[in-house]
C-alpha atoms as a PDB file:
ATOM      1  CA  MET A   1    -103.232   5.466 -98.438  1.00  0.00           C
ATOM      2  CA  PRO A   2    -101.145   7.205-101.186  1.00  0.00           C
ATOM      3  CA  ILE A   3     -97.934   6.352 -99.316  1.00  0.00           C
ATOM      4  CA  ARG A   4     -96.718   3.727 -96.758  1.00  0.00           C
ATOM      5  CA  TYR A   5     -94.351   4.784 -94.138  1.00  0.00           C
ATOM      6  CA  GLU A   6     -92.780   1.879 -92.177  1.00  0.00           C
ATOM      7  CA  LYS A   7     -89.963   1.710 -89.643  1.00  0.00           C
ATOM      8  CA  SER A   8     -87.958  -1.373 -88.831  1.00  0.00           C
ATOM      9  CA  GLY A   9     -85.165  -0.948 -86.424  1.00  0.00           C
ATOM     10  CA  ARG A  10     -83.035   1.878 -87.781  1.00  0.00           C
ATOM     11  CA  ILE A  11     -84.364   1.801 -91.263  1.00  0.00           C
ATOM     12  CA  ALA A  12     -87.388   3.800 -92.469  1.00  0.00           C
ATOM     13  CA  THR A  13     -89.003   2.762 -95.793  1.00  0.00           C
ATOM     14  CA  ILE A  14     -91.301   5.172 -97.676  1.00  0.00           C
ATOM     15  CA  THR A  15     -93.309   3.598-100.491  1.00  0.00           C
ATOM     16  CA  ILE A  16     -95.249   5.686-102.998  1.00  0.00           C
ATOM     17  CA  ASN A  17     -98.438   3.659-103.098  1.00  0.00           C
ATOM     18  CA  ARG A  18    -100.351   4.627-106.319  1.00  0.00           C
ATOM     19  CA  PRO A  19     -99.447   1.565-108.548  1.00  0.00           C
ATOM     20  CA  GLU A  20    -102.683   2.179-110.638  1.00  0.00           C
ATOM     21  CA  ALA A  21    -101.249   5.492-111.590  1.00  0.00           C
ATOM     22  CA  LEU A  22     -97.639   4.284-111.917  1.00  0.00           C
ATOM     23  CA  ASN A  23     -96.938   6.024-108.562  1.00  0.00           C
ATOM     24  CA  ALA A  24     -97.416   9.445-110.059  1.00  0.00           C
ATOM     25  CA  ILE A  25     -97.649  12.006-107.368  1.00  0.00           C
ATOM     26  CA  ASP A  26    -100.721  14.077-106.906  1.00  0.00           C
ATOM     27  CA  PRO A  27    -101.169  16.867-104.308  1.00  0.00           C
ATOM     28  CA  THR A  28    -102.295  14.477-101.587  1.00  0.00           C
ATOM     29  CA  THR A  29     -99.394  12.043-102.091  1.00  0.00           C
ATOM     30  CA  ASN A  30     -96.939  14.974-102.220  1.00  0.00           C
ATOM     31  CA  ALA A  31     -98.256  16.434 -98.918  1.00  0.00           C
ATOM     32  CA  GLU A  32     -97.877  12.942 -97.277  1.00  0.00           C
ATOM     33  CA  LEU A  33     -94.399  12.557 -98.604  1.00  0.00           C
ATOM     34  CA  VAL A  34     -93.418  15.887 -97.163  1.00  0.00           C
ATOM     35  CA  GLU A  35     -94.688  14.920 -93.764  1.00  0.00           C
ATOM     36  CA  ALA A  36     -93.045  11.364 -93.958  1.00  0.00           C
ATOM     37  CA  TRP A  37     -89.592  12.847 -94.814  1.00  0.00           C
ATOM     38  CA  ALA A  38     -89.811  15.431 -92.190  1.00  0.00           C
ATOM     39  CA  ASP A  39     -90.442  12.623 -89.628  1.00  0.00           C
ATOM     40  CA  PHE A  40     -87.554  10.593 -90.977  1.00  0.00           C
ATOM     41  CA  ARG A  41     -85.243  13.626 -90.633  1.00  0.00           C
ATOM     42  CA  ASP A  42     -86.359  14.365 -87.088  1.00  0.00           C
ATOM     43  CA  ASP A  43     -86.639  10.915 -85.684  1.00  0.00           C
ATOM     44  CA  PRO A  44     -83.398  10.156 -83.732  1.00  0.00           C
ATOM     45  CA  GLU A  45     -84.199   6.373 -83.834  1.00  0.00           C
ATOM     46  CA  VAL A  46     -84.012   5.945 -87.604  1.00  0.00           C
ATOM     47  CA  TRP A  47     -80.629   6.273 -89.380  1.00  0.00           C
ATOM     48  CA  VAL A  48     -81.171   5.206 -92.944  1.00  0.00           C
ATOM     49  CA  GLY A  49     -84.065   5.801 -95.395  1.00  0.00           C
ATOM     50  CA  ILE A  50     -85.284   3.809 -98.422  1.00  0.00           C
ATOM     51  CA  LEU A  51     -87.619   5.311-101.020  1.00  0.00           C
ATOM     52  CA  THR A  52     -89.480   3.004-103.515  1.00  0.00           C
ATOM     53  CA  GLY A  53     -92.726   2.546-105.386  1.00  0.00           C
ATOM     54  CA  ALA A  54     -95.468   0.089-105.044  1.00  0.00           C
ATOM     55  CA  GLY A  55     -95.805  -2.757-107.453  1.00  0.00           C
ATOM     56  CA  ASP A  56     -93.167  -3.687-110.044  1.00  0.00           C
ATOM     57  CA  ARG A  57     -94.138  -1.388-112.931  1.00  0.00           C
ATOM     58  CA  ALA A  58     -92.964   1.954-111.632  1.00  0.00           C
ATOM     59  CA  PHE A  59     -90.859   3.680-108.964  1.00  0.00           C
ATOM     60  CA  CYS A  60     -92.596   6.896-109.861  1.00  0.00           C
ATOM     61  CA  ALA A  61     -93.831   8.259-113.093  1.00  0.00           C
ATOM     62  CA  GLY A  62     -93.420  11.814-111.988  1.00  0.00           C
ATOM     63  CA  ALA A  63     -96.136  14.437-111.260  1.00  0.00           C
ATOM     64  CA  ASP A  64     -99.742  13.531-111.855  1.00  0.00           C
ATOM     65  CA  LEU A  65    -100.340  15.660-115.072  1.00  0.00           C
ATOM     66  CA  LYS A  66    -104.117  15.678-114.373  1.00  0.00           C
ATOM     67  CA  ALA A  67    -103.951  16.857-110.761  1.00  0.00           C
ATOM     68  CA  LEU A  68    -100.608  18.261-109.557  1.00  0.00           C
ATOM     69  CA  ILE A  69     -99.595  20.185-112.689  1.00  0.00           C
ATOM     70  CA  PRO A  70    -102.959  22.078-112.900  1.00  0.00           C
ATOM     71  CA  ALA A  71    -102.590  23.006-109.201  1.00  0.00           C
ATOM     72  CA  LEU A  72     -99.015  24.380-109.836  1.00  0.00           C
ATOM     73  CA  THR A  73    -100.220  26.230-112.924  1.00  0.00           C
ATOM     74  CA  GLU A  74    -102.871  28.042-110.790  1.00  0.00           C
ATOM     75  CA  GLN A  75    -100.246  28.969-108.209  1.00  0.00           C
ATOM     76  CA  ALA A  76     -97.973  30.273-110.969  1.00  0.00           C
ATOM     77  CA  ARG A  77    -100.876  32.476-112.405  1.00  0.00           C
ATOM     78  CA  ARG A  78    -101.402  33.910-108.919  1.00  0.00           C
ATOM     79  CA  GLY A  79     -97.698  34.521-108.452  1.00  0.00           C
ATOM     80  CA  GLU A  80     -97.536  32.129-105.593  1.00  0.00           C
ATOM     81  CA  LEU A  81     -95.268  29.461-106.953  1.00  0.00           C
ATOM     82  CA  GLN A  82     -92.144  30.575-105.021  1.00  0.00           C
ATOM     83  CA  GLU A  83     -91.241  27.230-103.565  1.00  0.00           C
ATOM     84  CA  PHE A  84     -92.239  23.599-104.324  1.00  0.00           C
ATOM     85  CA  ASN A  85     -90.749  20.557-102.668  1.00  0.00           C
ATOM     86  CA  PHE A  86     -91.749  17.731-104.988  1.00  0.00           C
ATOM     87  CA  GLY A  87     -91.830  14.293-103.229  1.00  0.00           C
ATOM     88  CA  GLY A  88     -90.602  15.825 -99.938  1.00  0.00           C
ATOM     89  CA  ILE A  89     -86.868  15.729-100.794  1.00  0.00           C
ATOM     90  CA  THR A  90     -86.155  17.687-103.975  1.00  0.00           C
ATOM     91  CA  ARG A  91     -86.189  21.202-102.636  1.00  0.00           C
ATOM     92  CA  GLY A  92     -85.816  23.000 -99.415  1.00  0.00           C
ATOM     93  CA  PHE A  93     -85.197  19.662 -97.513  1.00  0.00           C
ATOM     94  CA  VAL A  94     -81.932  18.890 -95.678  1.00  0.00           C
ATOM     95  CA  THR A  95     -81.003  15.701 -93.869  1.00  0.00           C
ATOM     96  CA  TRP A  96     -77.563  14.210 -93.594  1.00  0.00           C
ATOM     97  CA  LYS A  97     -78.957  10.729 -92.987  1.00  0.00           C
ATOM     98  CA  PRO A  98     -78.283   8.547 -96.081  1.00  0.00           C
ATOM     99  CA  ILE A  99     -81.200   7.760 -98.338  1.00  0.00           C
ATOM    100  CA  ILE A 100     -81.303   4.786-100.762  1.00  0.00           C
ATOM    101  CA  ALA A 101     -83.674   4.760-103.930  1.00  0.00           C
ATOM    102  CA  ALA A 102     -84.941   1.284-104.813  1.00  0.00           C
ATOM    103  CA  ILE A 103     -85.971   1.792-108.313  1.00  0.00           C
ATOM    104  CA  ASN A 104     -88.519  -0.821-109.646  1.00  0.00           C
ATOM    105  CA  GLY A 105     -89.578   0.166-113.019  1.00  0.00           C
ATOM    106  CA  PHE A 106     -90.334   3.606-114.621  1.00  0.00           C
ATOM    107  CA  ALA A 107     -88.577   6.479-112.993  1.00  0.00           C
ATOM    108  CA  LEU A 108     -89.583   9.243-115.302  1.00  0.00           C
ATOM    109  CA  ALA A 109     -89.695  13.082-114.988  1.00  0.00           C
ATOM    110  CA  GLY A 110     -90.126  13.720-111.314  1.00  0.00           C
ATOM    111  CA  GLY A 111     -89.370   9.999-110.715  1.00  0.00           C
ATOM    112  CA  THR A 112     -85.828  10.506-112.067  1.00  0.00           C
ATOM    113  CA  GLU A 113     -85.592  13.748-109.954  1.00  0.00           C
ATOM    114  CA  LEU A 114     -86.662  11.804-106.747  1.00  0.00           C
ATOM    115  CA  ALA A 115     -84.034   9.244-107.490  1.00  0.00           C
ATOM    116  CA  LEU A 116     -81.372  11.923-108.000  1.00  0.00           C
ATOM    117  CA  ALA A 117     -82.311  13.421-104.578  1.00  0.00           C
ATOM    118  CA  CYS A 118     -81.281  10.097-103.008  1.00  0.00           C
ATOM    119  CA  ASP A 119     -77.727   9.221-102.106  1.00  0.00           C
ATOM    120  CA  ILE A 120     -77.543   5.726-103.355  1.00  0.00           C
ATOM    121  CA  ARG A 121     -79.561   4.392-106.344  1.00  0.00           C
ATOM    122  CA  ILE A 122     -80.251   0.723-106.969  1.00  0.00           C
ATOM    123  CA  ALA A 123     -82.267  -0.086-110.085  1.00  0.00           C
ATOM    124  CA  ALA A 124     -84.078  -3.130-111.386  1.00  0.00           C
ATOM    125  CA  GLU A 125     -83.109  -4.370-114.864  1.00  0.00           C
ATOM    126  CA  THR A 126     -86.402  -3.140-116.073  1.00  0.00           C
ATOM    127  CA  ALA A 127     -85.981   0.339-114.746  1.00  0.00           C
ATOM    128  CA  ARG A 128     -86.186   3.255-117.181  1.00  0.00           C
ATOM    129  CA  PHE A 129     -85.265   6.915-116.554  1.00  0.00           C
ATOM    130  CA  GLY A 130     -85.875  10.072-118.434  1.00  0.00           C
ATOM    131  CA  GLN A 131     -86.830  13.804-118.242  1.00  0.00           C
ATOM    132  CA  PRO A 132     -89.592  14.075-120.836  1.00  0.00           C
ATOM    133  CA  GLU A 133     -90.995  17.381-119.567  1.00  0.00           C
ATOM    134  CA  VAL A 134     -90.090  19.358-122.634  1.00  0.00           C
ATOM    135  CA  ARG A 135     -92.527  17.149-124.555  1.00  0.00           C
ATOM    136  CA  TRP A 136     -95.275  18.662-122.347  1.00  0.00           C
ATOM    137  CA  ALA A 137     -93.977  22.265-122.792  1.00  0.00           C
ATOM    138  CA  ILE A 138     -92.497  22.351-119.273  1.00  0.00           C
ATOM    139  CA  ILE A 139     -89.129  21.698-117.880  1.00  0.00           C
ATOM    140  CA  PRO A 140     -87.777  19.488-115.099  1.00  0.00           C
ATOM    141  CA  GLY A 141     -88.756  21.606-112.122  1.00  0.00           C
ATOM    142  CA  ALA A 142     -87.844  19.303-109.234  1.00  0.00           C
ATOM    143  CA  GLY A 143     -84.075  19.479-109.523  1.00  0.00           C
ATOM    144  CA  GLY A 144     -83.565  17.664-112.781  1.00  0.00           C
ATOM    145  CA  THR A 145     -81.779  20.476-114.583  1.00  0.00           C
ATOM    146  CA  GLN A 146     -79.447  20.894-111.590  1.00  0.00           C
ATOM    147  CA  ARG A 147     -78.859  17.366-110.126  1.00  0.00           C
ATOM    148  CA  LEU A 148     -78.647  15.386-113.408  1.00  0.00           C
ATOM    149  CA  PRO A 149     -75.675  17.322-114.849  1.00  0.00           C
ATOM    150  CA  ARG A 150     -73.956  16.980-111.433  1.00  0.00           C
ATOM    151  CA  ALA A 151     -74.548  13.239-111.470  1.00  0.00           C
ATOM    152  CA  ILE A 152     -73.645  12.295-115.037  1.00  0.00           C
ATOM    153  CA  GLY A 153     -71.963  15.383-116.554  1.00  0.00           C
ATOM    154  CA  LEU A 154     -73.267  18.361-118.607  1.00  0.00           C
ATOM    155  CA  SER A 155     -73.150  16.837-122.034  1.00  0.00           C
ATOM    156  CA  ALA A 156     -74.979  13.574-121.231  1.00  0.00           C
ATOM    157  CA  ALA A 157     -77.572  15.463-119.171  1.00  0.00           C
ATOM    158  CA  MET A 158     -78.251  18.103-121.805  1.00  0.00           C
ATOM    159  CA  GLU A 159     -78.959  15.438-124.371  1.00  0.00           C
ATOM    160  CA  ILE A 160     -81.308  13.611-122.087  1.00  0.00           C
ATOM    161  CA  ILE A 161     -83.117  16.694-120.943  1.00  0.00           C
ATOM    162  CA  LEU A 162     -83.497  18.298-124.357  1.00  0.00           C
ATOM    163  CA  THR A 163     -84.584  15.142-126.178  1.00  0.00           C
ATOM    164  CA  GLY A 164     -86.775  13.867-123.435  1.00  0.00           C
ATOM    165  CA  ARG A 165     -85.717  10.304-124.380  1.00  0.00           C
ATOM    166  CA  GLN A 166     -85.826   7.317-121.940  1.00  0.00           C
ATOM    167  CA  VAL A 167     -82.608   5.631-120.628  1.00  0.00           C
ATOM    168  CA  ASP A 168     -82.660   1.949-119.687  1.00  0.00           C
ATOM    169  CA  ALA A 169     -81.060   0.482-116.577  1.00  0.00           C
ATOM    170  CA  GLN A 170     -77.743  -0.496-118.223  1.00  0.00           C
ATOM    171  CA  GLU A 171     -77.219   2.816-119.835  1.00  0.00           C
ATOM    172  CA  ALA A 172     -78.065   4.488-116.506  1.00  0.00           C
ATOM    173  CA  LEU A 173     -75.413   2.400-114.853  1.00  0.00           C
ATOM    174  CA  ARG A 174     -72.935   3.352-117.583  1.00  0.00           C
ATOM    175  CA  LEU A 175     -73.608   7.062-117.234  1.00  0.00           C
ATOM    176  CA  GLY A 176     -73.387   6.933-113.383  1.00  0.00           C
ATOM    177  CA  LEU A 177     -77.055   7.724-112.830  1.00  0.00           C
ATOM    178  CA  VAL A 178     -77.446   4.486-110.726  1.00  0.00           C
ATOM    179  CA  HIS A 179     -74.934   2.638-108.727  1.00  0.00           C
ATOM    180  CA  LYS A 180     -76.114  -0.953-109.130  1.00  0.00           C
ATOM    181  CA  VAL A 181     -78.596  -2.902-111.380  1.00  0.00           C
ATOM    182  CA  VAL A 182     -80.244  -6.088-110.091  1.00  0.00           C
ATOM    183  CA  PRO A 183     -83.049  -8.433-111.205  1.00  0.00           C
ATOM    184  CA  PRO A 184     -86.490  -6.920-110.407  1.00  0.00           C
ATOM    185  CA  SER A 185     -87.090  -9.524-107.650  1.00  0.00           C
ATOM    186  CA  GLU A 186     -83.925  -8.386-105.766  1.00  0.00           C
ATOM    187  CA  VAL A 187     -84.299  -4.553-105.724  1.00  0.00           C
ATOM    188  CA  MET A 188     -85.729  -4.338-102.297  1.00  0.00           C
ATOM    189  CA  THR A 189     -83.395  -7.104-101.013  1.00  0.00           C
ATOM    190  CA  GLU A 190     -80.428  -5.222-102.300  1.00  0.00           C
ATOM    191  CA  ALA A 191     -81.743  -1.942-100.891  1.00  0.00           C
ATOM    192  CA  TYR A 192     -82.012  -3.435 -97.383  1.00  0.00           C
ATOM    193  CA  ARG A 193     -78.625  -5.201 -97.743  1.00  0.00           C
ATOM    194  CA  THR A 194     -77.237  -1.778 -98.569  1.00  0.00           C
ATOM    195  CA  ALA A 195     -78.974  -0.152 -95.702  1.00  0.00           C
ATOM    196  CA  GLU A 196     -77.628  -2.762 -93.210  1.00  0.00           C
ATOM    197  CA  ALA A 197     -74.201  -2.247 -94.603  1.00  0.00           C
ATOM    198  CA  LEU A 198     -74.615   1.522 -93.913  1.00  0.00           C
ATOM    199  CA  LEU A 199     -75.763   0.786 -90.396  1.00  0.00           C
ATOM    200  CA  ALA A 200     -72.567  -1.101 -89.642  1.00  0.00           C
ATOM    201  CA  ASN A 201     -70.821   2.238 -89.908  1.00  0.00           C
ATOM    202  CA  GLY A 202     -70.864   5.159 -87.482  1.00  0.00           C
ATOM    203  CA  PRO A 203     -74.084   7.000 -88.035  1.00  0.00           C
ATOM    204  CA  LEU A 204     -72.661  10.415 -87.203  1.00  0.00           C
ATOM    205  CA  ALA A 205     -69.649   9.763 -89.549  1.00  0.00           C
ATOM    206  CA  LEU A 206     -72.141   8.862 -92.315  1.00  0.00           C
ATOM    207  CA  ARG A 207     -73.908  12.090 -91.877  1.00  0.00           C
ATOM    208  CA  ALA A 208     -70.696  14.212 -91.662  1.00  0.00           C
ATOM    209  CA  ALA A 209     -69.377  12.456 -94.759  1.00  0.00           C
ATOM    210  CA  LYS A 210     -72.566  13.163 -96.736  1.00  0.00           C
ATOM    211  CA  GLN A 211     -72.485  16.790 -95.474  1.00  0.00           C
ATOM    212  CA  ALA A 212     -68.858  17.195 -96.463  1.00  0.00           C
ATOM    213  CA  VAL A 213     -69.410  15.885 -99.974  1.00  0.00           C
ATOM    214  CA  ILE A 214     -72.618  17.868-100.712  1.00  0.00           C
ATOM    215  CA  GLN A 215     -71.714  21.088 -99.065  1.00  0.00           C
ATOM    216  CA  GLY A 216     -68.126  20.971-100.389  1.00  0.00           C
ATOM    217  CA  TRP A 217     -69.034  20.124-103.947  1.00  0.00           C
ATOM    218  CA  ASP A 218     -69.261  23.744-105.099  1.00  0.00           C
ATOM    219  CA  LEU A 219     -66.660  25.160-102.797  1.00  0.00           C
ATOM    220  CA  PRO A 220     -63.026  26.020-103.776  1.00  0.00           C
ATOM    221  CA  LEU A 221     -60.781  23.211-102.668  1.00  0.00           C
ATOM    222  CA  GLU A 222     -59.324  25.059 -99.639  1.00  0.00           C
ATOM    223  CA  GLU A 223     -62.788  25.984 -98.299  1.00  0.00           C
ATOM    224  CA  GLY A 224     -63.880  22.356 -98.865  1.00  0.00           C
ATOM    225  CA  LEU A 225     -60.902  21.054 -96.974  1.00  0.00           C
ATOM    226  CA  ASP A 226     -61.662  23.513 -94.069  1.00  0.00           C
ATOM    227  CA  LEU A 227     -65.238  22.177 -94.017  1.00  0.00           C
ATOM    228  CA  GLU A 228     -63.991  18.653 -93.854  1.00  0.00           C
ATOM    229  CA  LEU A 229     -61.670  19.424 -90.986  1.00  0.00           C
ATOM    230  CA  ARG A 230     -64.432  21.174 -89.027  1.00  0.00           C
ATOM    231  CA  LEU A 231     -66.573  18.060 -89.295  1.00  0.00           C
ATOM    232  CA  LEU A 232     -63.799  15.775 -88.434  1.00  0.00           C
ATOM    233  CA  ARG A 233     -62.978  17.757 -85.339  1.00  0.00           C
ATOM    234  CA  ASP A 234     -66.657  17.589 -84.258  1.00  0.00           C
ATOM    235  CA  LEU A 235     -66.687  13.835 -84.813  1.00  0.00           C
ATOM    236  CA  LEU A 236     -63.575  13.188 -82.796  1.00  0.00           C
ATOM    237  CA  LEU A 237     -65.401  14.566 -79.690  1.00  0.00           C
ATOM    238  CA  THR A 238     -68.372  12.159 -79.954  1.00  0.00           C
ATOM    239  CA  GLU A 239     -68.820   8.926 -78.080  1.00  0.00           C
ATOM    240  CA  ASP A 240     -69.079   6.900 -81.290  1.00  0.00           C
ATOM    241  CA  ALA A 241     -65.565   8.071 -82.229  1.00  0.00           C
ATOM    242  CA  VAL A 242     -64.254   6.607 -79.122  1.00  0.00           C
ATOM    243  CA  GLU A 243     -66.265   3.329 -79.468  1.00  0.00           C
ATOM    244  CA  GLY A 244     -65.110   2.713 -83.184  1.00  0.00           C
ATOM    245  CA  PRO A 245     -61.317   2.413 -82.429  1.00  0.00           C
ATOM    246  CA  ARG A 246     -62.043   0.647 -79.137  1.00  0.00           C
ATOM    247  CA  ALA A 247     -64.117  -1.950 -80.969  1.00  0.00           C
ATOM    248  CA  PHE A 248     -61.339  -2.336 -83.550  1.00  0.00           C
ATOM    249  CA  ALA A 249     -58.713  -2.871 -80.818  1.00  0.00           C
ATOM    250  CA  GLU A 250     -60.973  -5.357 -79.096  1.00  0.00           C
ATOM    251  CA  LYS A 251     -61.733  -7.251 -82.312  1.00  0.00           C
ATOM    252  CA  ARG A 252     -65.527  -6.879 -81.914  1.00  0.00           C
ATOM    253  CA  ALA A 253     -68.453  -5.155 -83.699  1.00  0.00           C
ATOM    254  CA  PRO A 254     -68.815  -1.537 -82.583  1.00  0.00           C
ATOM    255  CA  ARG A 255     -72.018  -0.514 -80.738  1.00  0.00           C
ATOM    256  CA  TYR A 256     -72.767   2.907 -82.049  1.00  0.00           C
ATOM    257  CA  GLN A 257     -75.286   5.137 -80.347  1.00  0.00           C
ATOM    258  CA  ALA A 258     -75.213   8.319 -82.600  1.00  0.00           C
ATOM    259  CA  ARG A 259     -73.798  10.200 -79.759  1.00  0.00           C
END
């Protein structure tokens, strides 16, 4: 199978499973990722997602240049390439559930773009990032030109995109492209540890916070503050918002139900 989709408790883990191709994404893999992420979004029993790649050489080396790019080229020739959701989360996909990227090796081109579409990025010391598309006479087309500048700033993103050079894990950490760097053997352990930390929080609050940040990013300040207040009002009417302060007062762990 080109992907593995596993659920354990409240955590869903999606693994790109083409290690022989550095987890590059071909049309079949892309279709399965789209289906898996839609299931994650719609399943009320899972609250946090983790995306990773099989093996220790690559998170994802981007699009399969021998299969996916020719298919997209043919669609472009026919005037049919109006929408393309690479990897299931880069375009036209919305979930307010948090997603963690566990980056174990190369995350190049579409691999960097997939990582950028996640909310928290944990990288192995051996991880490498880059947007080398211009070397092959195309551009980052799965959000790289839009998300990378938002993540690390315009100047740094422009240099990486236009040169196509690779960035190692420590530089990625310094730039703010990733949030934590750990030994390769600890990437998944740290991803699950982070997922469990998220699950200790109110699930509806996590979703509202993510929504407020993402939707408010490009709004004028006053409009962003209005959005924040609307989301807070909605949260205050939930059962979880009653449970949280009650658990605090009773000095016990809260029992959230996402209601």
